[in-house]
Amino acid sequence: MKQLTAKTSKHNYLSFLWHGLFLALAQNFMDVDTILPAMLVESGGGALHVGILTAIMLGGASVTQLFFAPYISSRSYKKKYLLLGINARILTLAGLSALLYFSPAINDRNILWLIFLLISVFSVGGAFANVSFTDIFGKSVFDTQRKSFFSIKQVIVGAGVFISAFLARKVLMSTGYPNNYSIMFLIGFASLTIASFGFWRIRETIPSSLSVKGVKNFIIFFKSEIKSNPRLKYFLGFVNTHGIVVILMPFLLVYSKEILHTGPSQTGVYLIFKVAGTVITGLTIFMLRKNIKYGFLLRGNVLLATLSPLILIIFGDIIPLQFFFLIGGIVFS
């Protein structure tokens, strides 16, 4: 068994940063809160279809992880599963680009079903990769470097993602549907492919596996972990309930397009405001990284996620929708 060395840890550190930068560039061209809902509405969908999309992207990914986790966690080395998951997402983006390009020759109803099929594969691929990513990152980078990694990643990613947000808006405005979204997903495909090179370079040295086989044994293991680590249940409770604002954003996009009759240009503006929220948060965390505690961030996140829907209900007619995408970006970040 190879042990983790300082050289290997630094190598993996840079590999994860490479992936993070190009993933951030790709995310703006496949953003689940703005681009995907807008594309779905342009394809003939409505609020119901956006609801299904949101359920697939958020709820579906979490549920499928329950089935993947026992299987992947019992494997000593997980890099190949990480690559399998991200490659599934890459191929899905290529499929979405091709589908939209040839969509004029396809029945509208069939287009919606094919979009849902591809988005489901995209979501499941992300869930599959996430289990492996968490395990590999935890054992491939020294714990003393992890906090600095996330702080530096926020700044590097923030700069790249802000630039790509303006590029995404320009692409949306460059031509009409479906070619503009076809180009968006093609750029997302290229960026995610480049991002995957970081995962190919990872050196997974330390084997790790849980002797858990099957969902039933995994549940027993889960209960044991909760009992031995009481704080874990509060963290899990936060993770599974904090996304109110994030879930709200796709429906704000539908409202904007169907009621306010906004076009691709405004969709790009919403994306820029969401990205601005993530960049502001990232820079703040980076500047305060030596003194800030993550518990404070979590509580602030809960407060924003709770107040935002109330502000929307009370002052929705006064406050521009851009404000809520800005807050959504902060909560997301």
C-alpha atoms as a PDB file:
ATOM      1  CA  MET A   1       0.000   0.000   0.000  1.00  0.00           C
ATOM      2  CA  LYS A   2       1.412   3.386  -0.999  1.00  0.00           C
ATOM      3  CA  GLN A   3       1.260   6.170   1.546  1.00  0.00           C
ATOM      4  CA  LEU A   4       0.293   9.739   0.739  1.00  0.00           C
ATOM      5  CA  THR A   5       3.387  11.934   0.396  1.00  0.00           C
ATOM      6  CA  ALA A   6       3.739  15.705   0.269  1.00  0.00           C
ATOM      7  CA  LYS A   7       4.587  15.505  -3.448  1.00  0.00           C
ATOM      8  CA  THR A   8       1.534  13.379  -4.249  1.00  0.00           C
ATOM      9  CA  SER A   9      -0.724  15.584  -2.121  1.00  0.00           C
ATOM     10  CA  LYS A  10       0.436  18.695  -4.007  1.00  0.00           C
ATOM     11  CA  HIS A  11      -0.020  16.898  -7.344  1.00  0.00           C
ATOM     12  CA  ASN A  12      -3.598  15.950  -6.422  1.00  0.00           C
ATOM     13  CA  TYR A  13      -4.235  19.432  -5.009  1.00  0.00           C
ATOM     14  CA  LEU A  14      -3.416  20.990  -8.397  1.00  0.00           C
ATOM     15  CA  SER A  15      -5.395  18.306 -10.246  1.00  0.00           C
ATOM     16  CA  PHE A  16      -8.507  19.086  -8.218  1.00  0.00           C
ATOM     17  CA  LEU A  17      -7.998  22.821  -8.811  1.00  0.00           C
ATOM     18  CA  TRP A  18      -7.726  22.181 -12.574  1.00  0.00           C
ATOM     19  CA  HIS A  19     -10.998  20.278 -12.486  1.00  0.00           C
ATOM     20  CA  GLY A  20     -12.684  22.941 -10.361  1.00  0.00           C
ATOM     21  CA  LEU A  21     -11.741  25.775 -12.729  1.00  0.00           C
ATOM     22  CA  PHE A  22     -12.970  24.154 -15.940  1.00  0.00           C
ATOM     23  CA  LEU A  23     -16.020  22.670 -14.218  1.00  0.00           C
ATOM     24  CA  ALA A  24     -16.959  26.218 -13.205  1.00  0.00           C
ATOM     25  CA  LEU A  25     -16.610  27.336 -16.824  1.00  0.00           C
ATOM     26  CA  ALA A  26     -18.826  24.450 -17.924  1.00  0.00           C
ATOM     27  CA  GLN A  27     -21.491  25.027 -15.263  1.00  0.00           C
ATOM     28  CA  ASN A  28     -22.594  28.360 -16.696  1.00  0.00           C
ATOM     29  CA  PHE A  29     -23.410  26.663 -19.987  1.00  0.00           C
ATOM     30  CA  MET A  30     -25.551  24.003 -18.302  1.00  0.00           C
ATOM     31  CA  ASP A  31     -26.800  25.939 -15.266  1.00  0.00           C
ATOM     32  CA  VAL A  32     -29.684  24.089 -13.611  1.00  0.00           C
ATOM     33  CA  ASP A  33     -31.323  27.268 -12.284  1.00  0.00           C
ATOM     34  CA  THR A  34     -31.346  29.377 -15.454  1.00  0.00           C
ATOM     35  CA  ILE A  35     -30.123  27.722 -18.666  1.00  0.00           C
ATOM     36  CA  LEU A  36     -31.814  24.326 -18.349  1.00  0.00           C
ATOM     37  CA  PRO A  37     -35.262  25.700 -17.299  1.00  0.00           C
ATOM     38  CA  ALA A  38     -35.110  28.355 -20.040  1.00  0.00           C
ATOM     39  CA  MET A  39     -34.202  25.716 -22.616  1.00  0.00           C
ATOM     40  CA  LEU A  40     -37.080  23.530 -21.421  1.00  0.00           C
ATOM     41  CA  VAL A  41     -39.602  26.382 -21.720  1.00  0.00           C
ATOM     42  CA  GLU A  42     -38.304  27.248 -25.199  1.00  0.00           C
ATOM     43  CA  SER A  43     -38.764  23.568 -26.125  1.00  0.00           C
ATOM     44  CA  GLY A  44     -42.465  23.721 -25.278  1.00  0.00           C
ATOM     45  CA  GLY A  45     -42.386  22.914 -21.569  1.00  0.00           C
ATOM     46  CA  GLY A  46     -44.125  24.698 -18.705  1.00  0.00           C
ATOM     47  CA  ALA A  47     -44.037  24.923 -14.919  1.00  0.00           C
ATOM     48  CA  LEU A  48     -44.876  21.204 -14.559  1.00  0.00           C
ATOM     49  CA  HIS A  49     -41.963  20.207 -16.773  1.00  0.00           C
ATOM     50  CA  VAL A  50     -39.589  22.509 -14.872  1.00  0.00           C
ATOM     51  CA  GLY A  51     -40.827  20.896 -11.652  1.00  0.00           C
ATOM     52  CA  ILE A  52     -39.966  17.460 -13.049  1.00  0.00           C
ATOM     53  CA  LEU A  53     -36.572  18.783 -14.167  1.00  0.00           C
ATOM     54  CA  THR A  54     -35.859  20.173 -10.687  1.00  0.00           C
ATOM     55  CA  ALA A  55     -36.924  16.896  -9.065  1.00  0.00           C
ATOM     56  CA  ILE A  56     -34.580  14.952 -11.342  1.00  0.00           C
ATOM     57  CA  MET A  57     -31.601  17.270 -10.857  1.00  0.00           C
ATOM     58  CA  LEU A  58     -31.900  17.748  -7.103  1.00  0.00           C
ATOM     59  CA  GLY A  59     -34.038  15.027  -5.570  1.00  0.00           C
ATOM     60  CA  GLY A  60     -33.185  12.317  -8.085  1.00  0.00           C
ATOM     61  CA  ALA A  61     -29.457  12.766  -7.611  1.00  0.00           C
ATOM     62  CA  SER A  62     -29.753  12.486  -3.824  1.00  0.00           C
ATOM     63  CA  VAL A  63     -31.960   9.399  -3.933  1.00  0.00           C
ATOM     64  CA  THR A  64     -29.752   7.532  -6.394  1.00  0.00           C
ATOM     65  CA  GLN A  65     -26.733   8.158  -4.157  1.00  0.00           C
ATOM     66  CA  LEU A  66     -28.378   5.899  -1.564  1.00  0.00           C
ATOM     67  CA  PHE A  67     -28.107   3.038  -4.033  1.00  0.00           C
ATOM     68  CA  PHE A  68     -24.630   3.884  -5.317  1.00  0.00           C
ATOM     69  CA  ALA A  69     -22.996   4.558  -1.953  1.00  0.00           C
ATOM     70  CA  PRO A  70     -23.060   0.950  -0.629  1.00  0.00           C
ATOM     71  CA  TYR A  71     -21.624  -0.400  -3.877  1.00  0.00           C
ATOM     72  CA  ILE A  72     -18.903   2.210  -4.420  1.00  0.00           C
ATOM     73  CA  SER A  73     -17.945   2.516  -0.746  1.00  0.00           C
ATOM     74  CA  SER A  74     -17.085  -1.186  -0.590  1.00  0.00           C
ATOM     75  CA  ARG A  75     -14.462  -0.760  -3.358  1.00  0.00           C
ATOM     76  CA  SER A  76     -10.858  -0.035  -2.333  1.00  0.00           C
ATOM     77  CA  TYR A  77     -10.051   2.255  -5.269  1.00  0.00           C
ATOM     78  CA  LYS A  78     -12.670   4.570  -6.715  1.00  0.00           C
ATOM     79  CA  LYS A  79     -10.991   6.579  -9.468  1.00  0.00           C
ATOM     80  CA  LYS A  80     -12.535   4.491 -12.259  1.00  0.00           C
ATOM     81  CA  TYR A  81     -16.024   5.116 -10.840  1.00  0.00           C
ATOM     82  CA  LEU A  82     -15.292   8.840 -10.665  1.00  0.00           C
ATOM     83  CA  LEU A  83     -14.236   8.812 -14.320  1.00  0.00           C
ATOM     84  CA  LEU A  84     -17.289   6.744 -15.282  1.00  0.00           C
ATOM     85  CA  GLY A  85     -19.603   9.318 -13.698  1.00  0.00           C
ATOM     86  CA  ILE A  86     -18.004  12.403 -15.246  1.00  0.00           C
ATOM     87  CA  ASN A  87     -17.712  10.757 -18.677  1.00  0.00           C
ATOM     88  CA  ALA A  88     -21.440   9.976 -18.557  1.00  0.00           C
ATOM     89  CA  ARG A  89     -22.080  13.681 -17.993  1.00  0.00           C
ATOM     90  CA  ILE A  90     -19.758  14.664 -20.839  1.00  0.00           C
ATOM     91  CA  LEU A  91     -21.555  12.366 -23.300  1.00  0.00           C
ATOM     92  CA  THR A  92     -24.925  13.656 -22.094  1.00  0.00           C
ATOM     93  CA  LEU A  93     -23.971  17.262 -22.890  1.00  0.00           C
ATOM     94  CA  ALA A  94     -22.894  16.185 -26.369  1.00  0.00           C
ATOM     95  CA  GLY A  95     -26.254  14.411 -26.730  1.00  0.00           C
ATOM     96  CA  LEU A  96     -28.210  17.506 -25.632  1.00  0.00           C
ATOM     97  CA  SER A  97     -26.300  19.666 -28.099  1.00  0.00           C
ATOM     98  CA  ALA A  98     -27.018  17.246 -30.951  1.00  0.00           C
ATOM     99  CA  LEU A  99     -30.678  16.840 -29.935  1.00  0.00           C
ATOM    100  CA  LEU A 100     -31.329  20.577 -30.012  1.00  0.00           C
ATOM    101  CA  TYR A 101     -29.450  21.023 -33.270  1.00  0.00           C
ATOM    102  CA  PHE A 102     -31.670  18.437 -35.008  1.00  0.00           C
ATOM    103  CA  SER A 103     -34.817  19.335 -33.024  1.00  0.00           C
ATOM    104  CA  PRO A 104     -36.610  21.067 -35.953  1.00  0.00           C
ATOM    105  CA  ALA A 105     -36.997  17.602 -37.501  1.00  0.00           C
ATOM    106  CA  ILE A 106     -38.297  16.005 -34.266  1.00  0.00           C
ATOM    107  CA  ASN A 107     -41.798  16.086 -32.764  1.00  0.00           C
ATOM    108  CA  ASP A 108     -42.049  18.566 -29.840  1.00  0.00           C
ATOM    109  CA  ARG A 109     -43.367  15.942 -27.402  1.00  0.00           C
ATOM    110  CA  ASN A 110     -40.538  13.559 -28.279  1.00  0.00           C
ATOM    111  CA  ILE A 111     -38.023  16.355 -27.732  1.00  0.00           C
ATOM    112  CA  LEU A 112     -39.255  16.875 -24.155  1.00  0.00           C
ATOM    113  CA  TRP A 113     -39.048  13.152 -23.362  1.00  0.00           C
ATOM    114  CA  LEU A 114     -35.549  12.915 -24.839  1.00  0.00           C
ATOM    115  CA  ILE A 115     -34.460  15.976 -22.828  1.00  0.00           C
ATOM    116  CA  PHE A 116     -35.724  14.357 -19.612  1.00  0.00           C
ATOM    117  CA  LEU A 117     -33.921  11.122 -20.506  1.00  0.00           C
ATOM    118  CA  LEU A 118     -30.610  12.876 -21.109  1.00  0.00           C
ATOM    119  CA  ILE A 119     -30.985  15.075 -18.013  1.00  0.00           C
ATOM    120  CA  SER A 120     -31.678  11.931 -15.949  1.00  0.00           C
ATOM    121  CA  VAL A 121     -28.438  10.355 -17.197  1.00  0.00           C
ATOM    122  CA  PHE A 122     -26.628  13.641 -16.480  1.00  0.00           C
ATOM    123  CA  SER A 123     -28.008  13.737 -12.927  1.00  0.00           C
ATOM    124  CA  VAL A 124     -27.310  10.072 -12.180  1.00  0.00           C
ATOM    125  CA  GLY A 125     -23.775  10.434 -13.564  1.00  0.00           C
ATOM    126  CA  GLY A 126     -23.170  13.329 -11.186  1.00  0.00           C
ATOM    127  CA  ALA A 127     -24.515  11.370  -8.223  1.00  0.00           C
ATOM    128  CA  PHE A 128     -22.353   8.379  -9.152  1.00  0.00           C
ATOM    129  CA  ALA A 129     -19.220  10.545  -9.434  1.00  0.00           C
ATOM    130  CA  ASN A 130     -19.901  12.510  -6.240  1.00  0.00           C
ATOM    131  CA  VAL A 131     -19.600   9.466  -3.953  1.00  0.00           C
ATOM    132  CA  SER A 132     -16.181   8.669  -5.415  1.00  0.00           C
ATOM    133  CA  PHE A 133     -15.058  12.320  -5.478  1.00  0.00           C
ATOM    134  CA  THR A 134     -15.665  12.809  -1.748  1.00  0.00           C
ATOM    135  CA  ASP A 135     -13.751   9.648  -0.849  1.00  0.00           C
ATOM    136  CA  ILE A 136     -10.804  10.331  -3.170  1.00  0.00           C
ATOM    137  CA  PHE A 137     -10.424  13.981  -2.164  1.00  0.00           C
ATOM    138  CA  GLY A 138     -10.473  13.069   1.528  1.00  0.00           C
ATOM    139  CA  LYS A 139      -7.582  10.636   1.232  1.00  0.00           C
ATOM    140  CA  SER A 140      -5.579  12.245  -1.609  1.00  0.00           C
ATOM    141  CA  VAL A 141      -4.938  15.697  -0.134  1.00  0.00           C
ATOM    142  CA  PHE A 142      -3.461  16.342   3.335  1.00  0.00           C
ATOM    143  CA  ASP A 143      -6.059  17.589   5.799  1.00  0.00           C
ATOM    144  CA  THR A 144      -3.906  20.672   6.515  1.00  0.00           C
ATOM    145  CA  GLN A 145      -4.349  21.769   2.883  1.00  0.00           C
ATOM    146  CA  ARG A 146      -8.100  21.253   2.531  1.00  0.00           C
ATOM    147  CA  LYS A 147      -9.329  24.566   3.931  1.00  0.00           C
ATOM    148  CA  SER A 148      -6.856  26.523   1.818  1.00  0.00           C
ATOM    149  CA  PHE A 149      -7.931  24.432  -1.187  1.00  0.00           C
ATOM    150  CA  PHE A 150     -11.563  25.449  -0.871  1.00  0.00           C
ATOM    151  CA  SER A 151     -10.655  29.092  -0.253  1.00  0.00           C
ATOM    152  CA  ILE A 152      -8.305  29.305  -3.251  1.00  0.00           C
ATOM    153  CA  LYS A 153     -10.732  27.328  -5.389  1.00  0.00           C
ATOM    154  CA  GLN A 154     -13.480  29.870  -4.635  1.00  0.00           C
ATOM    155  CA  VAL A 155     -11.298  32.730  -5.907  1.00  0.00           C
ATOM    156  CA  ILE A 156      -9.935  30.953  -9.007  1.00  0.00           C
ATOM    157  CA  VAL A 157     -13.319  29.517  -9.896  1.00  0.00           C
ATOM    158  CA  GLY A 158     -15.036  32.823  -9.150  1.00  0.00           C
ATOM    159  CA  ALA A 159     -12.895  34.721 -11.642  1.00  0.00           C
ATOM    160  CA  GLY A 160     -13.364  32.119 -14.361  1.00  0.00           C
ATOM    161  CA  VAL A 161     -17.057  31.642 -13.762  1.00  0.00           C
ATOM    162  CA  PHE A 162     -17.753  35.390 -13.869  1.00  0.00           C
ATOM    163  CA  ILE A 163     -16.077  35.705 -17.266  1.00  0.00           C
ATOM    164  CA  SER A 164     -17.912  32.653 -18.605  1.00  0.00           C
ATOM    165  CA  ALA A 165     -21.258  34.062 -17.431  1.00  0.00           C
ATOM    166  CA  PHE A 166     -20.871  37.026 -19.806  1.00  0.00           C
ATOM    167  CA  LEU A 167     -19.770  34.646 -22.565  1.00  0.00           C
ATOM    168  CA  ALA A 168     -22.845  32.475 -21.930  1.00  0.00           C
ATOM    169  CA  ARG A 169     -25.109  35.527 -22.213  1.00  0.00           C
ATOM    170  CA  LYS A 170     -23.406  36.494 -25.469  1.00  0.00           C
ATOM    171  CA  VAL A 171     -23.950  32.983 -26.867  1.00  0.00           C
ATOM    172  CA  LEU A 172     -27.626  33.048 -25.855  1.00  0.00           C
ATOM    173  CA  MET A 173     -28.093  36.329 -27.716  1.00  0.00           C
ATOM    174  CA  SER A 174     -25.996  35.374 -30.760  1.00  0.00           C
ATOM    175  CA  THR A 175     -28.730  33.343 -32.435  1.00  0.00           C
ATOM    176  CA  GLY A 176     -32.240  32.035 -31.793  1.00  0.00           C
ATOM    177  CA  TYR A 177     -33.590  28.790 -30.367  1.00  0.00           C
ATOM    178  CA  PRO A 178     -32.554  25.968 -30.736  1.00  0.00           C
ATOM    179  CA  ASN A 179     -29.102  26.817 -32.117  1.00  0.00           C
ATOM    180  CA  ASN A 180     -28.151  29.050 -29.190  1.00  0.00           C
ATOM    181  CA  TYR A 181     -28.783  26.293 -26.630  1.00  0.00           C
ATOM    182  CA  SER A 182     -27.103  23.730 -28.890  1.00  0.00           C
ATOM    183  CA  ILE A 183     -23.957  25.885 -28.876  1.00  0.00           C
ATOM    184  CA  MET A 184     -24.265  26.367 -25.091  1.00  0.00           C
ATOM    185  CA  PHE A 185     -24.225  22.627 -24.443  1.00  0.00           C
ATOM    186  CA  LEU A 186     -21.426  22.111 -26.968  1.00  0.00           C
ATOM    187  CA  ILE A 187     -19.247  24.585 -25.049  1.00  0.00           C
ATOM    188  CA  GLY A 188     -20.274  22.882 -21.797  1.00  0.00           C
ATOM    189  CA  PHE A 189     -19.237  19.541 -23.311  1.00  0.00           C
ATOM    190  CA  ALA A 190     -15.814  20.907 -24.308  1.00  0.00           C
ATOM    191  CA  SER A 191     -15.207  22.574 -20.910  1.00  0.00           C
ATOM    192  CA  LEU A 192     -16.243  19.498 -18.930  1.00  0.00           C
ATOM    193  CA  THR A 193     -14.004  17.319 -21.115  1.00  0.00           C
ATOM    194  CA  ILE A 194     -11.028  19.556 -20.284  1.00  0.00           C
ATOM    195  CA  ALA A 195     -12.072  19.534 -16.598  1.00  0.00           C
ATOM    196  CA  SER A 196     -12.006  15.716 -16.603  1.00  0.00           C
ATOM    197  CA  PHE A 197      -8.258  15.783 -17.373  1.00  0.00           C
ATOM    198  CA  GLY A 198      -7.774  16.792 -13.736  1.00  0.00           C
ATOM    199  CA  PHE A 199      -9.432  13.566 -12.598  1.00  0.00           C
ATOM    200  CA  TRP A 200      -7.346  11.480 -15.008  1.00  0.00           C
ATOM    201  CA  ARG A 201      -4.198  12.925 -13.340  1.00  0.00           C
ATOM    202  CA  ILE A 202      -5.234  12.081  -9.765  1.00  0.00           C
ATOM    203  CA  ARG A 203      -2.957   9.618  -7.977  1.00  0.00           C
ATOM    204  CA  GLU A 204      -5.156   7.517  -5.703  1.00  0.00           C
ATOM    205  CA  THR A 205      -2.626   5.983  -3.307  1.00  0.00           C
ATOM    206  CA  ILE A 206      -4.494   4.893  -0.183  1.00  0.00           C
ATOM    207  CA  PRO A 207      -7.127   2.158  -0.534  1.00  0.00           C
ATOM    208  CA  SER A 208     -10.265   2.690   1.509  1.00  0.00           C
ATOM    209  CA  SER A 209     -13.382   0.608   1.714  1.00  0.00           C
ATOM    210  CA  LEU A 210     -16.323  -0.023   3.991  1.00  0.00           C
ATOM    211  CA  SER A 211     -17.332  -3.608   4.595  1.00  0.00           C
ATOM    212  CA  VAL A 212     -20.888  -2.748   3.626  1.00  0.00           C
ATOM    213  CA  LYS A 213     -22.737  -4.899   1.119  1.00  0.00           C
ATOM    214  CA  GLY A 214     -26.299  -4.102   0.183  1.00  0.00           C
ATOM    215  CA  VAL A 215     -28.675  -1.322   1.145  1.00  0.00           C
ATOM    216  CA  LYS A 216     -29.794  -3.035   4.367  1.00  0.00           C
ATOM    217  CA  ASN A 217     -26.253  -3.262   5.748  1.00  0.00           C
ATOM    218  CA  PHE A 218     -25.589   0.279   4.648  1.00  0.00           C
ATOM    219  CA  ILE A 219     -28.577   1.509   6.686  1.00  0.00           C
ATOM    220  CA  ILE A 220     -27.232  -0.355   9.729  1.00  0.00           C
ATOM    221  CA  PHE A 221     -23.839   1.265   9.182  1.00  0.00           C
ATOM    222  CA  PHE A 222     -25.506   4.664   8.749  1.00  0.00           C
ATOM    223  CA  LYS A 223     -27.343   4.331  12.097  1.00  0.00           C
ATOM    224  CA  SER A 224     -24.094   3.325  13.785  1.00  0.00           C
ATOM    225  CA  GLU A 225     -22.304   6.400  12.419  1.00  0.00           C
ATOM    226  CA  ILE A 226     -25.102   8.704  13.580  1.00  0.00           C
ATOM    227  CA  LYS A 227     -24.959   7.206  17.050  1.00  0.00           C
ATOM    228  CA  SER A 228     -21.171   7.535  17.339  1.00  0.00           C
ATOM    229  CA  ASN A 229     -21.108  11.051  15.868  1.00  0.00           C
ATOM    230  CA  PRO A 230     -24.165  13.046  17.089  1.00  0.00           C
ATOM    231  CA  ARG A 231     -23.155  16.205  15.158  1.00  0.00           C
ATOM    232  CA  LEU A 232     -23.379  14.313  11.882  1.00  0.00           C
ATOM    233  CA  LYS A 233     -27.184  14.186  12.009  1.00  0.00           C
ATOM    234  CA  TYR A 234     -27.402  17.973  12.298  1.00  0.00           C
ATOM    235  CA  PHE A 235     -25.064  18.412   9.338  1.00  0.00           C
ATOM    236  CA  LEU A 236     -27.091  15.948   7.255  1.00  0.00           C
ATOM    237  CA  GLY A 237     -30.274  17.736   8.277  1.00  0.00           C
ATOM    238  CA  PHE A 238     -28.811  21.012   7.038  1.00  0.00           C
ATOM    239  CA  VAL A 239     -27.595  19.537   3.740  1.00  0.00           C
ATOM    240  CA  ASN A 240     -31.036  18.118   2.951  1.00  0.00           C
ATOM    241  CA  THR A 241     -33.127  21.168   3.865  1.00  0.00           C
ATOM    242  CA  HIS A 242     -31.055  24.241   2.973  1.00  0.00           C
ATOM    243  CA  GLY A 243     -31.838  24.398  -0.743  1.00  0.00           C
ATOM    244  CA  ILE A 244     -35.097  26.383  -0.607  1.00  0.00           C
ATOM    245  CA  VAL A 245     -33.721  29.331  -2.546  1.00  0.00           C
ATOM    246  CA  VAL A 246     -31.902  27.108  -5.037  1.00  0.00           C
ATOM    247  CA  ILE A 247     -35.139  25.211  -5.768  1.00  0.00           C
ATOM    248  CA  LEU A 248     -36.997  28.513  -6.082  1.00  0.00           C
ATOM    249  CA  MET A 249     -34.822  29.913  -8.884  1.00  0.00           C
ATOM    250  CA  PRO A 250     -35.979  27.663 -11.776  1.00  0.00           C
ATOM    251  CA  PHE A 251     -39.603  28.625 -11.096  1.00  0.00           C
ATOM    252  CA  LEU A 252     -38.680  32.302 -11.008  1.00  0.00           C
ATOM    253  CA  LEU A 253     -37.195  31.731 -14.446  1.00  0.00           C
ATOM    254  CA  VAL A 254     -40.477  30.193 -15.657  1.00  0.00           C
ATOM    255  CA  TYR A 255     -42.405  33.147 -14.202  1.00  0.00           C
ATOM    256  CA  SER A 256     -40.076  35.559 -15.971  1.00  0.00           C
ATOM    257  CA  LYS A 257     -40.444  33.875 -19.362  1.00  0.00           C
ATOM    258  CA  GLU A 258     -44.166  33.023 -19.274  1.00  0.00           C
ATOM    259  CA  ILE A 259     -45.587  36.028 -17.404  1.00  0.00           C
ATOM    260  CA  LEU A 260     -43.046  38.780 -18.057  1.00  0.00           C
ATOM    261  CA  HIS A 261     -42.204  37.415 -21.539  1.00  0.00           C
ATOM    262  CA  THR A 262     -38.470  37.912 -21.162  1.00  0.00           C
ATOM    263  CA  GLY A 263     -36.006  36.641 -23.767  1.00  0.00           C
ATOM    264  CA  PRO A 264     -32.546  35.012 -23.833  1.00  0.00           C
ATOM    265  CA  SER A 265     -30.867  38.301 -22.917  1.00  0.00           C
ATOM    266  CA  GLN A 266     -32.696  38.444 -19.560  1.00  0.00           C
ATOM    267  CA  THR A 267     -31.891  34.780 -18.887  1.00  0.00           C
ATOM    268  CA  GLY A 268     -28.243  35.741 -19.283  1.00  0.00           C
ATOM    269  CA  VAL A 269     -28.716  38.615 -16.825  1.00  0.00           C
ATOM    270  CA  TYR A 270     -30.175  36.240 -14.215  1.00  0.00           C
ATOM    271  CA  LEU A 271     -27.187  33.942 -14.703  1.00  0.00           C
ATOM    272  CA  ILE A 272     -24.762  36.837 -14.210  1.00  0.00           C
ATOM    273  CA  PHE A 273     -26.491  37.879 -10.960  1.00  0.00           C
ATOM    274  CA  LYS A 274     -26.391  34.305  -9.659  1.00  0.00           C
ATOM    275  CA  VAL A 275     -22.681  34.096 -10.515  1.00  0.00           C
ATOM    276  CA  ALA A 276     -22.088  37.494  -8.858  1.00  0.00           C
ATOM    277  CA  GLY A 277     -23.542  36.054  -5.646  1.00  0.00           C
ATOM    278  CA  THR A 278     -21.160  33.091  -5.754  1.00  0.00           C
ATOM    279  CA  VAL A 279     -18.144  35.306  -6.514  1.00  0.00           C
ATOM    280  CA  ILE A 280     -18.937  37.784  -3.710  1.00  0.00           C
ATOM    281  CA  THR A 281     -19.274  34.899  -1.254  1.00  0.00           C
ATOM    282  CA  GLY A 282     -16.089  33.220  -2.492  1.00  0.00           C
ATOM    283  CA  LEU A 283     -13.990  36.380  -2.173  1.00  0.00           C
ATOM    284  CA  THR A 284     -15.398  37.102   1.296  1.00  0.00           C
ATOM    285  CA  ILE A 285     -14.597  33.595   2.525  1.00  0.00           C
ATOM    286  CA  PHE A 286     -11.102  33.792   1.021  1.00  0.00           C
ATOM    287  CA  MET A 287     -10.292  37.128   2.699  1.00  0.00           C
ATOM    288  CA  LEU A 288     -11.644  35.933   6.065  1.00  0.00           C
ATOM    289  CA  ARG A 289     -10.442  32.316   5.751  1.00  0.00           C
ATOM    290  CA  LYS A 290      -8.109  32.478   8.773  1.00  0.00           C
ATOM    291  CA  ASN A 291     -10.809  33.669  11.170  1.00  0.00           C
ATOM    292  CA  ILE A 292     -14.136  32.552   9.719  1.00  0.00           C
ATOM    293  CA  LYS A 293     -15.791  29.389  11.006  1.00  0.00           C
ATOM    294  CA  TYR A 294     -17.885  27.176   8.806  1.00  0.00           C
ATOM    295  CA  GLY A 295     -20.603  26.940  11.445  1.00  0.00           C
ATOM    296  CA  PHE A 296     -21.184  30.672  11.031  1.00  0.00           C
ATOM    297  CA  LEU A 297     -21.509  30.187   7.262  1.00  0.00           C
ATOM    298  CA  LEU A 298     -24.063  27.416   7.719  1.00  0.00           C
ATOM    299  CA  ARG A 299     -26.215  29.479  10.064  1.00  0.00           C
ATOM    300  CA  GLY A 300     -26.039  32.482   7.738  1.00  0.00           C
ATOM    301  CA  ASN A 301     -27.046  30.215   4.883  1.00  0.00           C
ATOM    302  CA  VAL A 302     -30.115  29.015   6.780  1.00  0.00           C
ATOM    303  CA  LEU A 303     -31.107  32.605   7.573  1.00  0.00           C
ATOM    304  CA  LEU A 304     -30.878  33.702   3.932  1.00  0.00           C
ATOM    305  CA  ALA A 305     -32.712  30.607   2.680  1.00  0.00           C
ATOM    306  CA  THR A 306     -35.519  31.240   5.160  1.00  0.00           C
ATOM    307  CA  LEU A 307     -35.913  34.985   4.618  1.00  0.00           C
ATOM    308  CA  SER A 308     -35.683  35.051   0.811  1.00  0.00           C
ATOM    309  CA  PRO A 309     -39.054  33.348   0.088  1.00  0.00           C
ATOM    310  CA  LEU A 310     -40.738  35.605   2.659  1.00  0.00           C
ATOM    311  CA  ILE A 311     -39.242  38.711   1.024  1.00  0.00           C
ATOM    312  CA  LEU A 312     -40.367  37.419  -2.370  1.00  0.00           C
ATOM    313  CA  ILE A 313     -43.957  36.946  -1.144  1.00  0.00           C
ATOM    314  CA  ILE A 314     -44.164  40.352   0.566  1.00  0.00           C
ATOM    315  CA  PHE A 315     -42.087  42.554  -1.747  1.00  0.00           C
ATOM    316  CA  GLY A 316     -42.061  40.537  -4.986  1.00  0.00           C
ATOM    317  CA  ASP A 317     -43.780  43.313  -6.934  1.00  0.00           C
ATOM    318  CA  ILE A 318     -41.224  45.895  -5.832  1.00  0.00           C
ATOM    319  CA  ILE A 319     -37.890  44.071  -5.823  1.00  0.00           C
ATOM    320  CA  PRO A 320     -36.465  43.013  -9.244  1.00  0.00           C
ATOM    321  CA  LEU A 321     -36.076  39.266  -9.818  1.00  0.00           C
ATOM    322  CA  GLN A 322     -32.328  39.768 -10.259  1.00  0.00           C
ATOM    323  CA  PHE A 323     -32.062  40.296  -6.493  1.00  0.00           C
ATOM    324  CA  PHE A 324     -33.348  36.786  -5.767  1.00  0.00           C
ATOM    325  CA  PHE A 325     -30.896  35.222  -8.221  1.00  0.00           C
ATOM    326  CA  LEU A 326     -28.129  37.153  -6.446  1.00  0.00           C
ATOM    327  CA  ILE A 327     -29.254  35.766  -3.075  1.00  0.00           C
ATOM    328  CA  GLY A 328     -29.638  32.312  -4.638  1.00  0.00           C
ATOM    329  CA  GLY A 329     -26.012  32.495  -5.783  1.00  0.00           C
ATOM    330  CA  ILE A 330     -24.883  33.354  -2.258  1.00  0.00           C
ATOM    331  CA  VAL A 331     -26.829  30.435  -0.787  1.00  0.00           C
ATOM    332  CA  PHE A 332     -25.550  28.103  -3.515  1.00  0.00           C
ATOM    333  CA  SER A 333     -21.946  29.166  -2.920  1.00  0.00           C
END
